[in-house]
Amino acid sequence: MRVRVIFLGEDPRDPLQQAAASYLERAGRRFDAGLLPLAPARRGKGADDDRVRQAEAELLLRASEGCTRIALDAAGKGLGSSEQLAVRLEKLLARGKPVAFLLGGATGLHASVTTAADEVWSLSPLTFAHRLAVCVLAEQLYRAAEIA
């Protein structure tokens, strides 16, 4: 895969995950994009959210080794228009390395992910449920494939 959407919380029956997979499939060969779901860290009653985020960060960083890493965070750089996203993604892919989009779990991303990322982007200043963010990103990648 040249473009990987790496996220926590695999559930193949989830309609948002199904929609995201469909968008990436429809993007076709242009980006050779796919989902790479990871099992989230276990959360028990009274779980330490920072410790959970740190464990999930290790999974995300391991899964994205060798890729240009794009962390998605509400505090990241806004993408502007879909056309601008398409241009930016083409430039990143021209470097010859796969591009990995990293999305945190239910409690967000650990700071180590944004620090290790080559870039930090924001889909919106709004906070989205992580499964919805995966779907929105996949739709925008599909749109970028159609534009480019």
C-alpha atoms as a PDB file:
ATOM      1  CA  MET A   1       0.000   0.000   0.000  1.00  0.00           C
ATOM      2  CA  ARG A   2       1.256   3.434  -0.914  1.00  0.00           C
ATOM      3  CA  VAL A   3      -1.249   5.171   1.388  1.00  0.00           C
ATOM      4  CA  ARG A   4      -2.133   3.616   4.725  1.00  0.00           C
ATOM      5  CA  VAL A   5      -4.810   4.758   7.129  1.00  0.00           C
ATOM      6  CA  ILE A   6      -3.628   3.350  10.450  1.00  0.00           C
ATOM      7  CA  PHE A   7      -6.102   3.558  13.294  1.00  0.00           C
ATOM      8  CA  LEU A   8      -7.121   1.895  16.522  1.00  0.00           C
ATOM      9  CA  GLY A   9     -10.290  -0.082  16.918  1.00  0.00           C
ATOM     10  CA  GLU A  10     -10.948  -2.665  14.236  1.00  0.00           C
ATOM     11  CA  ASP A  11     -14.589  -3.675  13.848  1.00  0.00           C
ATOM     12  CA  PRO A  12     -15.336  -5.004  10.352  1.00  0.00           C
ATOM     13  CA  ARG A  13     -19.088  -4.776  11.076  1.00  0.00           C
ATOM     14  CA  ASP A  14     -18.889  -1.060  11.901  1.00  0.00           C
ATOM     15  CA  PRO A  15     -20.728   0.875   9.145  1.00  0.00           C
ATOM     16  CA  LEU A  16     -18.185   3.727   9.321  1.00  0.00           C
ATOM     17  CA  GLN A  17     -15.273   1.324   8.844  1.00  0.00           C
ATOM     18  CA  GLN A  18     -17.120  -0.337   5.975  1.00  0.00           C
ATOM     19  CA  ALA A  19     -17.735   3.058   4.359  1.00  0.00           C
ATOM     20  CA  ALA A  20     -14.067   4.008   4.807  1.00  0.00           C
ATOM     21  CA  ALA A  21     -12.935   0.746   3.184  1.00  0.00           C
ATOM     22  CA  SER A  22     -15.339   1.360   0.308  1.00  0.00           C
ATOM     23  CA  TYR A  23     -14.001   4.883  -0.288  1.00  0.00           C
ATOM     24  CA  LEU A  24     -10.413   3.641  -0.357  1.00  0.00           C
ATOM     25  CA  GLU A  25     -11.325   0.795  -2.692  1.00  0.00           C
ATOM     26  CA  ARG A  26     -12.997   3.289  -5.016  1.00  0.00           C
ATOM     27  CA  ALA A  27      -9.849   5.438  -4.944  1.00  0.00           C
ATOM     28  CA  GLY A  28      -8.349   2.642  -7.014  1.00  0.00           C
ATOM     29  CA  ARG A  29      -4.751   2.314  -8.069  1.00  0.00           C
ATOM     30  CA  ARG A  30      -4.011   6.012  -7.974  1.00  0.00           C
ATOM     31  CA  PHE A  31      -3.007   5.889  -4.328  1.00  0.00           C
ATOM     32  CA  ASP A  32      -3.189   2.142  -3.638  1.00  0.00           C
ATOM     33  CA  ALA A  33      -4.756   3.063  -0.298  1.00  0.00           C
ATOM     34  CA  GLY A  34      -5.992   0.790   2.442  1.00  0.00           C
ATOM     35  CA  LEU A  35      -7.036   0.596   6.058  1.00  0.00           C
ATOM     36  CA  LEU A  36      -4.704  -0.849   8.654  1.00  0.00           C
ATOM     37  CA  PRO A  37      -6.724  -1.278  11.853  1.00  0.00           C
ATOM     38  CA  LEU A  38      -4.918  -2.042  15.099  1.00  0.00           C
ATOM     39  CA  ALA A  39      -6.289  -3.509  18.302  1.00  0.00           C
ATOM     40  CA  PRO A  40      -6.641  -0.717  20.866  1.00  0.00           C
ATOM     41  CA  ALA A  41      -5.021  -0.966  24.279  1.00  0.00           C
ATOM     42  CA  ARG A  42      -7.234  -2.454  26.961  1.00  0.00           C
ATOM     43  CA  ARG A  43      -9.149  -0.016  29.069  1.00  0.00           C
ATOM     44  CA  GLY A  44     -10.235  -1.163  32.466  1.00  0.00           C
ATOM     45  CA  LYS A  45     -12.269   0.678  35.022  1.00  0.00           C
ATOM     46  CA  GLY A  46     -10.160   3.577  36.256  1.00  0.00           C
ATOM     47  CA  ALA A  47      -7.653   3.165  33.389  1.00  0.00           C
ATOM     48  CA  ASP A  48      -4.911   5.762  33.109  1.00  0.00           C
ATOM     49  CA  ASP A  49      -5.704   7.469  29.777  1.00  0.00           C
ATOM     50  CA  ASP A  50      -2.120   8.662  29.280  1.00  0.00           C
ATOM     51  CA  ARG A  51      -0.784   5.137  29.742  1.00  0.00           C
ATOM     52  CA  VAL A  52      -3.370   3.819  27.261  1.00  0.00           C
ATOM     53  CA  ARG A  53      -2.433   6.533  24.714  1.00  0.00           C
ATOM     54  CA  GLN A  54       1.256   5.679  25.177  1.00  0.00           C
ATOM     55  CA  ALA A  55       0.645   1.969  24.525  1.00  0.00           C
ATOM     56  CA  GLU A  56      -1.412   2.835  21.449  1.00  0.00           C
ATOM     57  CA  ALA A  57       1.295   5.242  20.268  1.00  0.00           C
ATOM     58  CA  GLU A  58       3.816   2.406  20.263  1.00  0.00           C
ATOM     59  CA  LEU A  59       1.481   0.359  18.047  1.00  0.00           C
ATOM     60  CA  LEU A  60       0.914   3.258  15.632  1.00  0.00           C
ATOM     61  CA  LEU A  61       4.607   4.073  15.343  1.00  0.00           C
ATOM     62  CA  ARG A  62       5.606   0.437  14.830  1.00  0.00           C
ATOM     63  CA  ALA A  63       2.957  -0.005  12.119  1.00  0.00           C
ATOM     64  CA  SER A  64       4.143   3.123  10.286  1.00  0.00           C
ATOM     65  CA  GLU A  65       7.888   2.463  10.254  1.00  0.00           C
ATOM     66  CA  GLY A  66       9.461   3.387   6.919  1.00  0.00           C
ATOM     67  CA  CYS A  67       6.542   5.645   5.971  1.00  0.00           C
ATOM     68  CA  THR A  68       6.069   9.366   5.809  1.00  0.00           C
ATOM     69  CA  ARG A  69       3.953   9.818   8.919  1.00  0.00           C
ATOM     70  CA  ILE A  70       0.985  12.177   8.985  1.00  0.00           C
ATOM     71  CA  ALA A  71      -0.612  12.416  12.418  1.00  0.00           C
ATOM     72  CA  LEU A  72      -4.197  13.624  12.438  1.00  0.00           C
ATOM     73  CA  ASP A  73      -5.028  15.914  15.326  1.00  0.00           C
ATOM     74  CA  ALA A  74      -7.503  18.770  15.762  1.00  0.00           C
ATOM     75  CA  ALA A  75      -4.559  21.025  16.677  1.00  0.00           C
ATOM     76  CA  GLY A  76      -2.713  20.214  13.431  1.00  0.00           C
ATOM     77  CA  LYS A  77      -2.378  22.249  10.248  1.00  0.00           C
ATOM     78  CA  GLY A  78      -5.657  22.720   8.397  1.00  0.00           C
ATOM     79  CA  LEU A  79      -5.743  21.123   4.976  1.00  0.00           C
ATOM     80  CA  GLY A  80      -7.593  23.869   3.171  1.00  0.00           C
ATOM     81  CA  SER A  81      -9.536  22.551   0.204  1.00  0.00           C
ATOM     82  CA  SER A  82      -9.811  19.037  -1.211  1.00  0.00           C
ATOM     83  CA  GLU A  83      -7.764  20.259  -4.171  1.00  0.00           C
ATOM     84  CA  GLN A  84      -4.977  21.371  -1.839  1.00  0.00           C
ATOM     85  CA  LEU A  85      -5.052  17.987  -0.114  1.00  0.00           C
ATOM     86  CA  ALA A  86      -4.718  16.255  -3.489  1.00  0.00           C
ATOM     87  CA  VAL A  87      -1.683  18.364  -4.429  1.00  0.00           C
ATOM     88  CA  ARG A  88      -0.037  17.871  -1.038  1.00  0.00           C
ATOM     89  CA  LEU A  89      -0.559  14.104  -1.104  1.00  0.00           C
ATOM     90  CA  GLU A  90       0.890  13.846  -4.633  1.00  0.00           C
ATOM     91  CA  LYS A  91       4.001  15.720  -3.455  1.00  0.00           C
ATOM     92  CA  LEU A  92       4.412  13.409  -0.473  1.00  0.00           C
ATOM     93  CA  LEU A  93       4.043  10.295  -2.620  1.00  0.00           C
ATOM     94  CA  ALA A  94       6.583  11.673  -5.108  1.00  0.00           C
ATOM     95  CA  ARG A  95       9.220  11.237  -2.376  1.00  0.00           C
ATOM     96  CA  GLY A  96       8.983   7.488  -2.999  1.00  0.00           C
ATOM     97  CA  LYS A  97       7.958   6.429   0.511  1.00  0.00           C
ATOM     98  CA  PRO A  98       4.517   5.186   1.525  1.00  0.00           C
ATOM     99  CA  VAL A  99       2.374   7.690   3.414  1.00  0.00           C
ATOM    100  CA  ALA A 100       0.788   6.618   6.695  1.00  0.00           C
ATOM    101  CA  PHE A 101      -2.040   8.576   8.259  1.00  0.00           C
ATOM    102  CA  LEU A 102      -2.114   7.968  12.015  1.00  0.00           C
ATOM    103  CA  LEU A 103      -5.342   8.311  13.970  1.00  0.00           C
ATOM    104  CA  GLY A 104      -5.576   7.848  17.712  1.00  0.00           C
ATOM    105  CA  GLY A 105      -8.110   5.885  19.668  1.00  0.00           C
ATOM    106  CA  ALA A 106     -10.975   7.061  21.815  1.00  0.00           C
ATOM    107  CA  THR A 107      -8.737   9.275  23.962  1.00  0.00           C
ATOM    108  CA  GLY A 108      -6.713  10.766  21.103  1.00  0.00           C
ATOM    109  CA  LEU A 109      -3.030  10.642  20.205  1.00  0.00           C
ATOM    110  CA  HIS A 110      -0.116  10.514  22.609  1.00  0.00           C
ATOM    111  CA  ALA A 111       2.342  13.395  22.172  1.00  0.00           C
ATOM    112  CA  SER A 112       5.028  10.921  21.032  1.00  0.00           C
ATOM    113  CA  VAL A 113       3.049  10.305  17.826  1.00  0.00           C
ATOM    114  CA  THR A 114       2.789  13.975  16.903  1.00  0.00           C
ATOM    115  CA  THR A 115       6.487  14.409  17.769  1.00  0.00           C
ATOM    116  CA  ALA A 116       7.524  11.455  15.577  1.00  0.00           C
ATOM    117  CA  ALA A 117       5.234  12.489  12.710  1.00  0.00           C
ATOM    118  CA  ASP A 118       6.649  14.224   9.664  1.00  0.00           C
ATOM    119  CA  GLU A 119       3.561  16.430   9.619  1.00  0.00           C
ATOM    120  CA  VAL A 120       0.477  16.970  11.772  1.00  0.00           C
ATOM    121  CA  TRP A 121      -2.720  17.689   9.889  1.00  0.00           C
ATOM    122  CA  SER A 122      -6.223  18.531  11.013  1.00  0.00           C
ATOM    123  CA  LEU A 123      -9.389  17.427   9.257  1.00  0.00           C
ATOM    124  CA  SER A 124     -11.258  20.137  11.141  1.00  0.00           C
ATOM    125  CA  PRO A 125     -10.971  22.182  14.318  1.00  0.00           C
ATOM    126  CA  LEU A 126     -13.946  20.133  15.504  1.00  0.00           C
ATOM    127  CA  THR A 127     -13.334  16.964  17.489  1.00  0.00           C
ATOM    128  CA  PHE A 128     -14.581  13.831  15.728  1.00  0.00           C
ATOM    129  CA  ALA A 129     -15.106  10.346  17.091  1.00  0.00           C
ATOM    130  CA  HIS A 130     -12.067   8.426  15.864  1.00  0.00           C
ATOM    131  CA  ARG A 131     -14.148   6.062  13.704  1.00  0.00           C
ATOM    132  CA  LEU A 132     -15.842   9.021  12.047  1.00  0.00           C
ATOM    133  CA  ALA A 133     -12.447  10.659  11.448  1.00  0.00           C
ATOM    134  CA  VAL A 134     -11.285   7.490   9.650  1.00  0.00           C
ATOM    135  CA  CYS A 135     -14.330   7.661   7.382  1.00  0.00           C
ATOM    136  CA  VAL A 136     -13.926  11.401   6.685  1.00  0.00           C
ATOM    137  CA  LEU A 137     -10.235  10.904   5.858  1.00  0.00           C
ATOM    138  CA  ALA A 138     -11.002   7.975   3.553  1.00  0.00           C
ATOM    139  CA  GLU A 139     -13.634  10.027   1.730  1.00  0.00           C
ATOM    140  CA  GLN A 140     -11.164  12.874   1.259  1.00  0.00           C
ATOM    141  CA  LEU A 141      -8.511  10.464  -0.039  1.00  0.00           C
ATOM    142  CA  TYR A 142     -11.054   9.132  -2.527  1.00  0.00           C
ATOM    143  CA  ARG A 143     -11.859  12.721  -3.545  1.00  0.00           C
ATOM    144  CA  ALA A 144      -8.128  13.499  -3.890  1.00  0.00           C
ATOM    145  CA  ALA A 145      -7.714  10.485  -6.186  1.00  0.00           C
ATOM    146  CA  GLU A 146     -10.544  11.785  -8.368  1.00  0.00           C
ATOM    147  CA  ILE A 147      -9.069  15.317  -8.461  1.00  0.00           C
ATOM    148  CA  ALA A 148      -5.428  14.404  -9.043  1.00  0.00           C
END
